[in-house]
PDB file of N, CA and C in Angstrom:
ATOM      1  N   MET A   1      51.787  76.319 279.117  1.00  0.00           N
ATOM      2  CA  MET A   1      53.035  76.315 279.449  1.00  0.00           C
ATOM      3  C   MET A   1      52.932  76.908 281.081  1.00  0.00           C
ATOM      4  N   SER A   2      53.834  76.044 281.775  1.00  0.00           N
ATOM      5  CA  SER A   2      53.820  76.321 283.381  1.00  0.00           C
ATOM      6  C   SER A   2      54.599  77.528 283.431  1.00  0.00           C
ATOM      7  N   PHE A   3      54.281  78.158 284.645  1.00  0.00           N
ATOM      8  CA  PHE A   3      55.049  79.613 285.065  1.00  0.00           C
ATOM      9  C   PHE A   3      56.574  79.502 284.779  1.00  0.00           C
ATOM     10  N   THR A   4      56.705  78.169 285.461  1.00  0.00           N
ATOM     11  CA  THR A   4      58.302  77.964 285.765  1.00  0.00           C
ATOM     12  C   THR A   4      58.908  77.497 284.380  1.00  0.00           C
ATOM     13  N   LYS A   5      58.000  77.084 283.559  1.00  0.00           N
ATOM     14  CA  LYS A   5      58.676  77.193 281.978  1.00  0.00           C
ATOM     15  C   LYS A   5      59.195  78.379 281.481  1.00  0.00           C
ATOM     16  N   VAL A   6      57.610  78.895 281.587  1.00  0.00           N
ATOM     17  CA  VAL A   6      57.951  80.157 280.860  1.00  0.00           C
ATOM     18  C   VAL A   6      58.930  81.115 281.644  1.00  0.00           C
ATOM     19  N   ALA A   7      59.224  81.328 282.790  1.00  0.00           N
ATOM     20  CA  ALA A   7      60.312  81.978 283.611  1.00  0.00           C
ATOM     21  C   ALA A   7      61.622  81.488 283.085  1.00  0.00           C
ATOM     22  N   ALA A   8      61.840  80.173 282.834  1.00  0.00           N
ATOM     23  CA  ALA A   8      63.161  79.785 282.198  1.00  0.00           C
ATOM     24  C   ALA A   8      63.277  79.934 281.006  1.00  0.00           C
ATOM     25  N   ALA A   9      62.389  79.867 280.119  1.00  0.00           N
ATOM     26  CA  ALA A   9      62.575  80.536 278.725  1.00  0.00           C
ATOM     27  C   ALA A   9      63.139  81.987 278.569  1.00  0.00           C
ATOM     28  N   LEU A  10      62.252  82.728 279.609  1.00  0.00           N
ATOM     29  CA  LEU A  10      62.268  84.102 279.671  1.00  0.00           C
ATOM     30  C   LEU A  10      63.854  84.676 279.999  1.00  0.00           C
ATOM     31  N   GLY A  11      64.086  83.838 280.993  1.00  0.00           N
ATOM     32  CA  GLY A  11      65.740  84.122 281.700  1.00  0.00           C
ATOM     33  C   GLY A  11      66.850  83.551 280.271  1.00  0.00           C
ATOM     34  N   ALA A  12      66.430  82.585 279.668  1.00  0.00           N
ATOM     35  CA  ALA A  12      67.131  82.170 278.735  1.00  0.00           C
ATOM     36  C   ALA A  12      67.367  83.288 277.615  1.00  0.00           C
ATOM     37  N   ALA A  13      66.224  83.560 277.232  1.00  0.00           N
ATOM     38  CA  ALA A  13      66.276  84.597 276.432  1.00  0.00           C
ATOM     39  C   ALA A  13      66.820  85.755 276.578  1.00  0.00           C
ATOM     40  N   ILE A  14      66.812  86.085 277.932  1.00  0.00           N
ATOM     41  CA  ILE A  14      67.622  87.352 278.358  1.00  0.00           C
ATOM     42  C   ILE A  14      69.031  87.219 278.341  1.00  0.00           C
ATOM     43  N   ALA A  15      69.082  86.212 278.816  1.00  0.00           N
ATOM     44  CA  ALA A  15      71.114  85.874 278.743  1.00  0.00           C
ATOM     45  C   ALA A  15      71.606  85.725 277.678  1.00  0.00           C
ATOM     46  N   LEU A  16      70.554  85.191 276.577  1.00  0.00           N
ATOM     47  CA  LEU A  16      71.236  85.475 275.053  1.00  0.00           C
ATOM     48  C   LEU A  16      71.163  86.404 274.428  1.00  0.00           C
ATOM     49  N   SER A  17      70.269  87.629 275.003  1.00  0.00           N
ATOM     50  CA  SER A  17      70.451  89.042 274.263  1.00  0.00           C
ATOM     51  C   SER A  17      71.449  89.478 275.025  1.00  0.00           C
ATOM     52  N   SER A  18      71.857  89.297 275.994  1.00  0.00           N
ATOM     53  CA  SER A  18      73.166  90.200 276.653  1.00  0.00           C
ATOM     54  C   SER A  18      74.148  89.578 276.350  1.00  0.00           C
ATOM     55  N   LEU A  19      74.381  88.487 275.451  1.00  0.00           N
ATOM     56  CA  LEU A  19      75.641  88.161 274.822  1.00  0.00           C
ATOM     57  C   LEU A  19      75.600  88.482 273.302  1.00  0.00           C
ATOM     58  N   ALA A  20      74.594  88.569 272.602  1.00  0.00           N
ATOM     59  CA  ALA A  20      74.498  89.241 271.406  1.00  0.00           C
ATOM     60  C   ALA A  20      74.947  90.775 271.480  1.00  0.00           C
ATOM     61  N   SER A  21      74.437  91.346 272.638  1.00  0.00           N
ATOM     62  CA  SER A  21      75.005  92.865 272.548  1.00  0.00           C
ATOM     63  C   SER A  21      76.386  93.209 273.127  1.00  0.00           C
ATOM     64  N   ALA A  22      77.071  91.980 273.372  1.00  0.00           N
ATOM     65  CA  ALA A  22      78.263  92.081 274.025  1.00  0.00           C
ATOM     66  C   ALA A  22      79.432  92.990 273.298  1.00  0.00           C
ATOM     67  N   PRO A  23      80.350  93.740 273.571  1.00  0.00           N
ATOM     68  CA  PRO A  23      80.986  94.280 272.842  1.00  0.00           C
ATOM     69  C   PRO A  23      81.895  93.681 271.825  1.00  0.00           C
ATOM     70  N   ALA A  24      82.345  94.256 270.433  1.00  0.00           N
ATOM     71  CA  ALA A  24      83.289  93.209 269.657  1.00  0.00           C
ATOM     72  C   ALA A  24      84.213  92.600 270.324  1.00  0.00           C
ATOM     73  N   GLN A  25      85.047  93.350 271.229  1.00  0.00           N
ATOM     74  CA  GLN A  25      85.972  92.916 271.966  1.00  0.00           C
ATOM     75  C   GLN A  25      86.046  91.614 272.851  1.00  0.00           C
ATOM     76  N   ALA A  26      84.950  91.364 273.267  1.00  0.00           N
ATOM     77  CA  ALA A  26      84.255  90.098 274.110  1.00  0.00           C
ATOM     78  C   ALA A  26      84.223  88.831 272.700  1.00  0.00           C
ATOM     79  N   GLU A  27      84.342  89.167 271.762  1.00  0.00           N
ATOM     80  CA  GLU A  27      84.093  88.036 270.694  1.00  0.00           C
ATOM     81  C   GLU A  27      85.466  87.060 270.391  1.00  0.00           C
ATOM     82  N   ASP A  28      84.874  85.782 270.520  1.00  0.00           N
ATOM     83  CA  ASP A  28      86.187  85.035 270.442  1.00  0.00           C
ATOM     84  C   ASP A  28      86.417  84.651 268.460  1.00  0.00           C
ATOM     85  N   ARG A  29      87.739  85.127 268.550  1.00  0.00           N
ATOM     86  CA  ARG A  29      88.322  85.387 267.172  1.00  0.00           C
ATOM     87  C   ARG A  29      88.895  84.111 266.836  1.00  0.00           C
ATOM     88  N   ARG A  30      88.852  82.946 267.532  1.00  0.00           N
ATOM     89  CA  ARG A  30      89.401  81.614 267.018  1.00  0.00           C
ATOM     90  C   ARG A  30      88.943  80.961 265.800  1.00  0.00           C
ATOM     91  N   VAL A  31      89.833  80.697 264.918  1.00  0.00           N
ATOM     92  CA  VAL A  31      89.427  80.242 263.983  1.00  0.00           C
ATOM     93  C   VAL A  31      90.221  78.794 263.326  1.00  0.00           C
ATOM     94  N   ARG A  32      89.384  77.707 263.505  1.00  0.00           N
ATOM     95  CA  ARG A  32      89.954  76.644 262.592  1.00  0.00           C
ATOM     96  C   ARG A  32      90.098  76.786 261.129  1.00  0.00           C
ATOM     97  N   ILE A  33      91.557  77.027 260.575  1.00  0.00           N
ATOM     98  CA  ILE A  33      91.612  77.029 259.116  1.00  0.00           C
ATOM     99  C   ILE A  33      92.279  75.392 258.891  1.00  0.00           C
ATOM    100  N   ILE A  34      91.313  75.056 257.757  1.00  0.00           N
ATOM    101  CA  ILE A  34      90.981  73.513 257.372  1.00  0.00           C
ATOM    102  C   ILE A  34      91.919  73.541 255.616  1.00  0.00           C
ATOM    103  N   ASN A  35      92.924  73.020 255.705  1.00  0.00           N
ATOM    104  CA  ASN A  35      93.677  72.922 254.315  1.00  0.00           C
ATOM    105  C   ASN A  35      92.681  71.307 253.724  1.00  0.00           C
ATOM    106  N   ASP A  36      91.788  71.572 253.000  1.00  0.00           N
ATOM    107  CA  ASP A  36      91.061  70.831 252.339  1.00  0.00           C
ATOM    108  C   ASP A  36      91.493  70.506 250.860  1.00  0.00           C
ATOM    109  N   THR A  37      92.720  70.946 250.696  1.00  0.00           N
ATOM    110  CA  THR A  37      93.361  71.047 249.325  1.00  0.00           C
ATOM    111  C   THR A  37      94.250  69.959 249.167  1.00  0.00           C
ATOM    112  N   ARG A  38      94.928  69.614 247.912  1.00  0.00           N
ATOM    113  CA  ARG A  38      95.780  68.753 247.781  1.00  0.00           C
ATOM    114  C   ARG A  38      97.260  69.456 247.817  1.00  0.00           C
ATOM    115  N   HIS A  39      97.465  70.516 248.297  1.00  0.00           N
ATOM    116  CA  HIS A  39      98.766  70.933 248.594  1.00  0.00           C
ATOM    117  C   HIS A  39      99.002  71.603 250.046  1.00  0.00           C
ATOM    118  N   THR A  40     100.241  71.649 250.340  1.00  0.00           N
ATOM    119  CA  THR A  40     100.809  72.120 251.413  1.00  0.00           C
ATOM    120  C   THR A  40     100.698  73.753 251.873  1.00  0.00           C
ATOM    121  N   MET A  41      99.752  74.308 252.697  1.00  0.00           N
ATOM    122  CA  MET A  41      99.813  75.437 252.763  1.00  0.00           C
ATOM    123  C   MET A  41     101.274  75.795 253.736  1.00  0.00           C
ATOM    124  N   VAL A  42     101.833  76.773 252.888  1.00  0.00           N
ATOM    125  CA  VAL A  42     103.020  77.202 253.292  1.00  0.00           C
ATOM    126  C   VAL A  42     103.144  78.941 253.994  1.00  0.00           C
ATOM    127  N   ARG A  43     102.284  79.493 253.497  1.00  0.00           N
ATOM    128  CA  ARG A  43     101.737  80.817 254.483  1.00  0.00           C
ATOM    129  C   ARG A  43     100.401  80.916 254.118  1.00  0.00           C
ATOM    130  N   PHE A  44     100.277  81.756 255.428  1.00  0.00           N
ATOM    131  CA  PHE A  44      98.949  82.069 255.892  1.00  0.00           C
ATOM    132  C   PHE A  44      99.010  83.489 256.148  1.00  0.00           C
ATOM    133  N   TYR A  45      97.818  84.689 255.835  1.00  0.00           N
ATOM    134  CA  TYR A  45      98.066  85.746 256.273  1.00  0.00           C
ATOM    135  C   TYR A  45      96.431  85.814 256.788  1.00  0.00           C
ATOM    136  N   ALA A  46      96.136  86.760 257.761  1.00  0.00           N
ATOM    137  CA  ALA A  46      94.955  87.281 258.059  1.00  0.00           C
ATOM    138  C   ALA A  46      95.115  88.795 258.651  1.00  0.00           C
ATOM    139  N   SER A  47      94.885  89.414 257.908  1.00  0.00           N
ATOM    140  CA  SER A  47      94.743  91.172 258.059  1.00  0.00           C
ATOM    141  C   SER A  47      92.965  91.824 258.246  1.00  0.00           C
ATOM    142  N   ASN A  48      93.446  92.843 258.969  1.00  0.00           N
ATOM    143  CA  ASN A  48      92.296  93.335 259.496  1.00  0.00           C
ATOM    144  C   ASN A  48      91.709  93.992 258.210  1.00  0.00           C
ATOM    145  N   SER A  49      90.733  93.924 257.945  1.00  0.00           N
ATOM    146  CA  SER A  49      89.957  94.386 256.457  1.00  0.00           C
ATOM    147  C   SER A  49      90.021  95.975 256.159  1.00  0.00           C
ATOM    148  N   SER A  50      90.183  96.757 257.157  1.00  0.00           N
ATOM    149  CA  SER A  50      90.590  98.129 257.218  1.00  0.00           C
ATOM    150  C   SER A  50      92.090  98.549 256.611  1.00  0.00           C
ATOM    151  N   ARG A  51      92.977  97.634 256.921  1.00  0.00           N
ATOM    152  CA  ARG A  51      94.186  97.665 256.456  1.00  0.00           C
ATOM    153  C   ARG A  51      94.386  97.298 254.862  1.00  0.00           C
ATOM    154  N   THR A  52      95.229  98.134 254.446  1.00  0.00           N
ATOM    155  CA  THR A  52      96.135  97.997 252.953  1.00  0.00           C
ATOM    156  C   THR A  52      97.120  97.006 252.969  1.00  0.00           C
ATOM    157  N   THR A  53      97.504  96.426 253.780  1.00  0.00           N
ATOM    158  CA  THR A  53      98.848  95.666 253.754  1.00  0.00           C
ATOM    159  C   THR A  53      98.582  94.349 254.792  1.00  0.00           C
ATOM    160  N   TRP A  54      99.400  93.178 254.180  1.00  0.00           N
ATOM    161  CA  TRP A  54      99.104  92.149 254.890  1.00  0.00           C
ATOM    162  C   TRP A  54      99.769  92.106 256.057  1.00  0.00           C
ATOM    163  N   GLU A  55      99.647  91.575 257.244  1.00  0.00           N
ATOM    164  CA  GLU A  55     100.402  91.453 258.388  1.00  0.00           C
ATOM    165  C   GLU A  55     101.435  90.234 258.029  1.00  0.00           C
ATOM    166  N   GLU A  56     102.224  90.013 259.086  1.00  0.00           N
ATOM    167  CA  GLU A  56     102.994  88.894 259.154  1.00  0.00           C
ATOM    168  C   GLU A  56     102.568  87.362 258.856  1.00  0.00           C
ATOM    169  N   ASP A  57     103.392  86.404 258.429  1.00  0.00           N
ATOM    170  CA  ASP A  57     103.044  85.337 257.768  1.00  0.00           C
ATOM    171  C   ASP A  57     102.474  84.583 258.962  1.00  0.00           C
ATOM    172  N   ILE A  58     101.194  84.171 259.700  1.00  0.00           N
ATOM    173  CA  ILE A  58     100.864  83.530 260.660  1.00  0.00           C
ATOM    174  C   ILE A  58     101.797  82.219 261.038  1.00  0.00           C
ATOM    175  N   LEU A  59     101.577  81.209 259.917  1.00  0.00           N
ATOM    176  CA  LEU A  59     102.283  80.057 260.156  1.00  0.00           C
ATOM    177  C   LEU A  59     103.967  80.318 260.538  1.00  0.00           C
ATOM    178  N   GLY A  60     104.364  81.079 259.927  1.00  0.00           N
ATOM    179  CA  GLY A  60     106.103  81.190 260.307  1.00  0.00           C
ATOM    180  C   GLY A  60     106.770  80.341 259.947  1.00  0.00           C
ATOM    181  N   GLN A  61     107.501  79.418 260.296  1.00  0.00           N
ATOM    182  CA  GLN A  61     108.237  78.171 260.166  1.00  0.00           C
ATOM    183  C   GLN A  61     107.637  77.223 259.758  1.00  0.00           C
ATOM    184  N   ARG A  62     106.149  76.873 260.286  1.00  0.00           N
ATOM    185  CA  ARG A  62     105.385  75.756 260.346  1.00  0.00           C
ATOM    186  C   ARG A  62     104.845  76.033 258.621  1.00  0.00           C
ATOM    187  N   VAL A  63     104.074  75.115 258.612  1.00  0.00           N
ATOM    188  CA  VAL A  63     103.351  74.425 257.229  1.00  0.00           C
ATOM    189  C   VAL A  63     101.872  73.599 257.523  1.00  0.00           C
ATOM    190  N   LEU A  64     100.921  74.077 256.577  1.00  0.00           N
ATOM    191  CA  LEU A  64      99.683  73.210 257.375  1.00  0.00           C
ATOM    192  C   LEU A  64      99.563  72.118 256.047  1.00  0.00           C
ATOM    193  N   PRO A  65      99.928  70.854 256.330  1.00  0.00           N
ATOM    194  CA  PRO A  65      99.892  69.777 255.228  1.00  0.00           C
ATOM    195  C   PRO A  65      98.230  69.792 254.662  1.00  0.00           C
ATOM    196  N   ALA A  66      98.280  69.166 253.435  1.00  0.00           N
ATOM    197  CA  ALA A  66      97.003  68.534 253.003  1.00  0.00           C
ATOM    198  C   ALA A  66      96.344  67.862 253.957  1.00  0.00           C
ATOM    199  N   GLY A  67      94.835  68.237 254.275  1.00  0.00           N
ATOM    200  CA  GLY A  67      94.069  67.623 254.926  1.00  0.00           C
ATOM    201  C   GLY A  67      94.128  67.778 256.423  1.00  0.00           C
ATOM    202  N   GLN A  68      95.027  68.774 256.941  1.00  0.00           N
ATOM    203  CA  GLN A  68      95.209  69.281 258.516  1.00  0.00           C
ATOM    204  C   GLN A  68      94.418  70.651 258.660  1.00  0.00           C
ATOM    205  N   SER A  69      94.418  70.586 260.057  1.00  0.00           N
ATOM    206  CA  SER A  69      94.072  71.901 260.209  1.00  0.00           C
ATOM    207  C   SER A  69      94.737  72.467 261.573  1.00  0.00           C
ATOM    208  N   VAL A  70      94.297  73.960 261.872  1.00  0.00           N
ATOM    209  CA  VAL A  70      95.182  74.519 262.949  1.00  0.00           C
ATOM    210  C   VAL A  70      94.273  75.456 263.512  1.00  0.00           C
ATOM    211  N   VAL A  71      93.952  75.885 264.537  1.00  0.00           N
ATOM    212  CA  VAL A  71      93.137  76.817 265.122  1.00  0.00           C
ATOM    213  C   VAL A  71      94.043  77.974 265.484  1.00  0.00           C
ATOM    214  N   ILE A  72      93.528  78.744 265.199  1.00  0.00           N
ATOM    215  CA  ILE A  72      94.403  80.611 264.874  1.00  0.00           C
ATOM    216  C   ILE A  72      93.891  81.432 265.696  1.00  0.00           C
ATOM    217  N   ASN A  73      94.270  82.371 266.472  1.00  0.00           N
ATOM    218  CA  ASN A  73      93.470  83.115 267.232  1.00  0.00           C
ATOM    219  C   ASN A  73      93.533  84.384 266.424  1.00  0.00           C
ATOM    220  N   ILE A  74      92.528  84.951 265.705  1.00  0.00           N
ATOM    221  CA  ILE A  74      92.820  85.976 264.789  1.00  0.00           C
ATOM    222  C   ILE A  74      92.448  87.160 265.424  1.00  0.00           C
ATOM    223  N   ASP A  75      93.351  87.843 266.090  1.00  0.00           N
ATOM    224  CA  ASP A  75      92.660  89.245 267.112  1.00  0.00           C
ATOM    225  C   ASP A  75      93.696  89.912 267.013  1.00  0.00           C
ATOM    226  N   ASP A  76      93.897  91.239 266.707  1.00  0.00           N
ATOM    227  CA  ASP A  76      94.977  92.234 266.481  1.00  0.00           C
ATOM    228  C   ASP A  76      94.876  93.152 267.303  1.00  0.00           C
ATOM    229  N   GLY A  77      93.979  93.059 268.529  1.00  0.00           N
ATOM    230  CA  GLY A  77      93.943  93.958 269.356  1.00  0.00           C
ATOM    231  C   GLY A  77      92.977  95.070 269.242  1.00  0.00           C
ATOM    232  N   THR A  78      92.184  95.236 267.816  1.00  0.00           N
ATOM    233  CA  THR A  78      91.525  96.442 267.513  1.00  0.00           C
ATOM    234  C   THR A  78      90.256  96.243 267.938  1.00  0.00           C
ATOM    235  N   GLY A  79      89.647  94.988 268.158  1.00  0.00           N
ATOM    236  CA  GLY A  79      88.050  94.681 268.053  1.00  0.00           C
ATOM    237  C   GLY A  79      87.507  94.291 267.026  1.00  0.00           C
ATOM    238  N   ALA A  80      88.247  94.607 265.910  1.00  0.00           N
ATOM    239  CA  ALA A  80      87.676  94.404 264.436  1.00  0.00           C
ATOM    240  C   ALA A  80      87.334  92.702 263.939  1.00  0.00           C
ATOM    241  N   CYS A  81      86.130  92.785 263.849  1.00  0.00           N
ATOM    242  CA  CYS A  81      85.771  91.423 263.448  1.00  0.00           C
ATOM    243  C   CYS A  81      86.307  90.884 261.929  1.00  0.00           C
ATOM    244  N   LEU A  82      86.350  92.062 261.220  1.00  0.00           N
ATOM    245  CA  LEU A  82      86.196  91.765 259.673  1.00  0.00           C
ATOM    246  C   LEU A  82      87.941  91.570 259.366  1.00  0.00           C
ATOM    247  N   PHE A  83      88.165  90.223 258.756  1.00  0.00           N
ATOM    248  CA  PHE A  83      89.692  90.173 258.280  1.00  0.00           C
ATOM    249  C   PHE A  83      89.554  89.739 256.696  1.00  0.00           C
ATOM    250  N   ASP A  84      90.888  89.789 256.283  1.00  0.00           N
ATOM    251  CA  ASP A  84      91.258  89.331 254.893  1.00  0.00           C
ATOM    252  C   ASP A  84      92.040  88.121 255.062  1.00  0.00           C
ATOM    253  N   PHE A  85      91.724  87.157 254.250  1.00  0.00           N
ATOM    254  CA  PHE A  85      92.741  85.921 254.386  1.00  0.00           C
ATOM    255  C   PHE A  85      93.424  85.629 253.331  1.00  0.00           C
ATOM    256  N   LYS A  86      94.526  85.157 253.209  1.00  0.00           N
ATOM    257  CA  LYS A  86      95.475  84.820 252.282  1.00  0.00           C
ATOM    258  C   LYS A  86      96.256  83.676 252.520  1.00  0.00           C
ATOM    259  N   ALA A  87      96.151  82.654 251.622  1.00  0.00           N
ATOM    260  CA  ALA A  87      96.767  81.312 251.419  1.00  0.00           C
ATOM    261  C   ALA A  87      97.693  81.033 250.621  1.00  0.00           C
ATOM    262  N   VAL A  88      99.022  80.666 250.850  1.00  0.00           N
ATOM    263  CA  VAL A  88      99.783  80.539 249.710  1.00  0.00           C
ATOM    264  C   VAL A  88     100.542  79.107 250.001  1.00  0.00           C
ATOM    265  N   PHE A  89     100.378  78.247 248.780  1.00  0.00           N
ATOM    266  CA  PHE A  89     100.424  77.089 248.563  1.00  0.00           C
ATOM    267  C   PHE A  89     101.828  76.519 248.187  1.00  0.00           C
ATOM    268  N   ASP A  90     102.070  75.094 248.375  1.00  0.00           N
ATOM    269  CA  ASP A  90     103.563  74.749 247.735  1.00  0.00           C
ATOM    270  C   ASP A  90     103.358  74.667 246.407  1.00  0.00           C
ATOM    271  N   ASP A  91     102.477  74.962 245.657  1.00  0.00           N
ATOM    272  CA  ASP A  91     102.298  74.764 244.169  1.00  0.00           C
ATOM    273  C   ASP A  91     102.445  76.473 243.614  1.00  0.00           C
ATOM    274  N   GLY A  92     102.493  77.368 244.510  1.00  0.00           N
ATOM    275  CA  GLY A  92     102.734  78.396 243.864  1.00  0.00           C
ATOM    276  C   GLY A  92     101.389  79.337 244.070  1.00  0.00           C
ATOM    277  N   ASP A  93     100.525  78.181 244.094  1.00  0.00           N
ATOM    278  CA  ASP A  93      98.660  79.180 244.340  1.00  0.00           C
ATOM    279  C   ASP A  93      98.635  79.971 245.529  1.00  0.00           C
ATOM    280  N   GLU A  94      97.906  80.941 245.199  1.00  0.00           N
ATOM    281  CA  GLU A  94      97.135  81.939 246.248  1.00  0.00           C
ATOM    282  C   GLU A  94      95.964  82.149 246.349  1.00  0.00           C
ATOM    283  N   LEU A  95      95.241  82.064 247.652  1.00  0.00           N
ATOM    284  CA  LEU A  95      93.882  82.157 247.600  1.00  0.00           C
ATOM    285  C   LEU A  95      93.447  83.090 248.348  1.00  0.00           C
ATOM    286  N   THR A  96      93.007  84.398 248.216  1.00  0.00           N
ATOM    287  CA  THR A  96      92.725  85.453 248.876  1.00  0.00           C
ATOM    288  C   THR A  96      91.091  85.743 249.085  1.00  0.00           C
ATOM    289  N   ARG A  97      90.671  85.781 250.071  1.00  0.00           N
ATOM    290  CA  ARG A  97      89.282  86.095 250.548  1.00  0.00           C
ATOM    291  C   ARG A  97      89.206  86.956 251.681  1.00  0.00           C
ATOM    292  N   GLY A  98      88.231  88.121 251.128  1.00  0.00           N
ATOM    293  CA  GLY A  98      88.093  89.389 251.792  1.00  0.00           C
ATOM    294  C   GLY A  98      86.650  89.327 252.840  1.00  0.00           C
ATOM    295  N   GLN A  99      86.582  90.359 254.076  1.00  0.00           N
ATOM    296  CA  GLN A  99      85.691  90.448 254.695  1.00  0.00           C
ATOM    297  C   GLN A  99      85.102  89.335 255.127  1.00  0.00           C
ATOM    298  N   ILE A 100      85.750  88.585 256.166  1.00  0.00           N
ATOM    299  CA  ILE A 100      85.963  87.357 256.568  1.00  0.00           C
ATOM    300  C   ILE A 100      85.431  87.596 258.036  1.00  0.00           C
ATOM    301  N   ASN A 101      84.248  87.609 258.425  1.00  0.00           N
ATOM    302  CA  ASN A 101      83.833  88.116 259.823  1.00  0.00           C
ATOM    303  C   ASN A 101      84.278  86.893 260.990  1.00  0.00           C
ATOM    304  N   VAL A 102      85.510  87.261 261.683  1.00  0.00           N
ATOM    305  CA  VAL A 102      86.049  85.916 262.422  1.00  0.00           C
ATOM    306  C   VAL A 102      85.172  85.986 263.835  1.00  0.00           C
ATOM    307  N   CYS A 103      84.225  86.809 264.086  1.00  0.00           N
ATOM    308  CA  CYS A 103      83.817  86.788 265.188  1.00  0.00           C
ATOM    309  C   CYS A 103      82.355  85.822 265.421  1.00  0.00           C
ATOM    310  N   GLN A 104      81.955  85.384 263.835  1.00  0.00           N
ATOM    311  CA  GLN A 104      80.776  84.768 263.630  1.00  0.00           C
ATOM    312  C   GLN A 104      81.397  83.352 263.295  1.00  0.00           C
ATOM    313  N   ILE A 105      82.299  83.236 262.938  1.00  0.00           N
ATOM    314  CA  ILE A 105      82.623  81.532 262.350  1.00  0.00           C
ATOM    315  C   ILE A 105      83.636  81.115 263.180  1.00  0.00           C
ATOM    316  N   SER A 106      83.978  79.754 263.065  1.00  0.00           N
ATOM    317  CA  SER A 106      84.694  78.822 263.852  1.00  0.00           C
ATOM    318  C   SER A 106      85.666  78.054 263.117  1.00  0.00           C
ATOM    319  N   GLU A 107      85.229  78.051 261.846  1.00  0.00           N
ATOM    320  CA  GLU A 107      86.291  77.661 260.742  1.00  0.00           C
ATOM    321  C   GLU A 107      86.242  78.149 259.647  1.00  0.00           C
ATOM    322  N   TYR A 108      87.251  77.654 258.739  1.00  0.00           N
ATOM    323  CA  TYR A 108      87.366  78.245 257.443  1.00  0.00           C
ATOM    324  C   TYR A 108      87.941  77.035 256.758  1.00  0.00           C
ATOM    325  N   ARG A 109      87.079  76.938 255.525  1.00  0.00           N
ATOM    326  CA  ARG A 109      87.697  75.669 254.873  1.00  0.00           C
ATOM    327  C   ARG A 109      88.394  75.968 253.457  1.00  0.00           C
ATOM    328  N   TYR A 110      89.646  75.783 253.137  1.00  0.00           N
ATOM    329  CA  TYR A 110      90.471  76.115 251.627  1.00  0.00           C
ATOM    330  C   TYR A 110      90.260  74.530 250.940  1.00  0.00           C
ATOM    331  N   THR A 111      89.400  74.865 249.888  1.00  0.00           N
ATOM    332  CA  THR A 111      89.234  73.716 249.157  1.00  0.00           C
ATOM    333  C   THR A 111      89.502  73.813 247.237  1.00  0.00           C
ATOM    334  N   GLU A 112      89.662  73.163 246.861  1.00  0.00           N
ATOM    335  CA  GLU A 112      90.181  73.114 245.478  1.00  0.00           C
ATOM    336  C   GLU A 112      88.827  73.038 244.454  1.00  0.00           C
TER     337      GLU A 112
END
């Protein structure tokens, strides 16, 4: 391998390692929520896993129809990466998942 290629590879490795050591606050917490069920999602909650209560319904007056998706910035300002998700559907079903690392994923899919 030529010196130029080695230098380029080393530079890329250094750049990547500096990104990996960036503080949690700099992480991208935007997650595409995908409703891959047969029912409309009528409420969606994402609460910091260290909390014991759910935050407000992120969808508000909106809904997420079956087969659709929405990008949500799941950032509560604390720098946390672990969040619990709760989706409520028009048939009354609730799906709850805990300890989702929103700093490491870019999408989360609800399926039946």
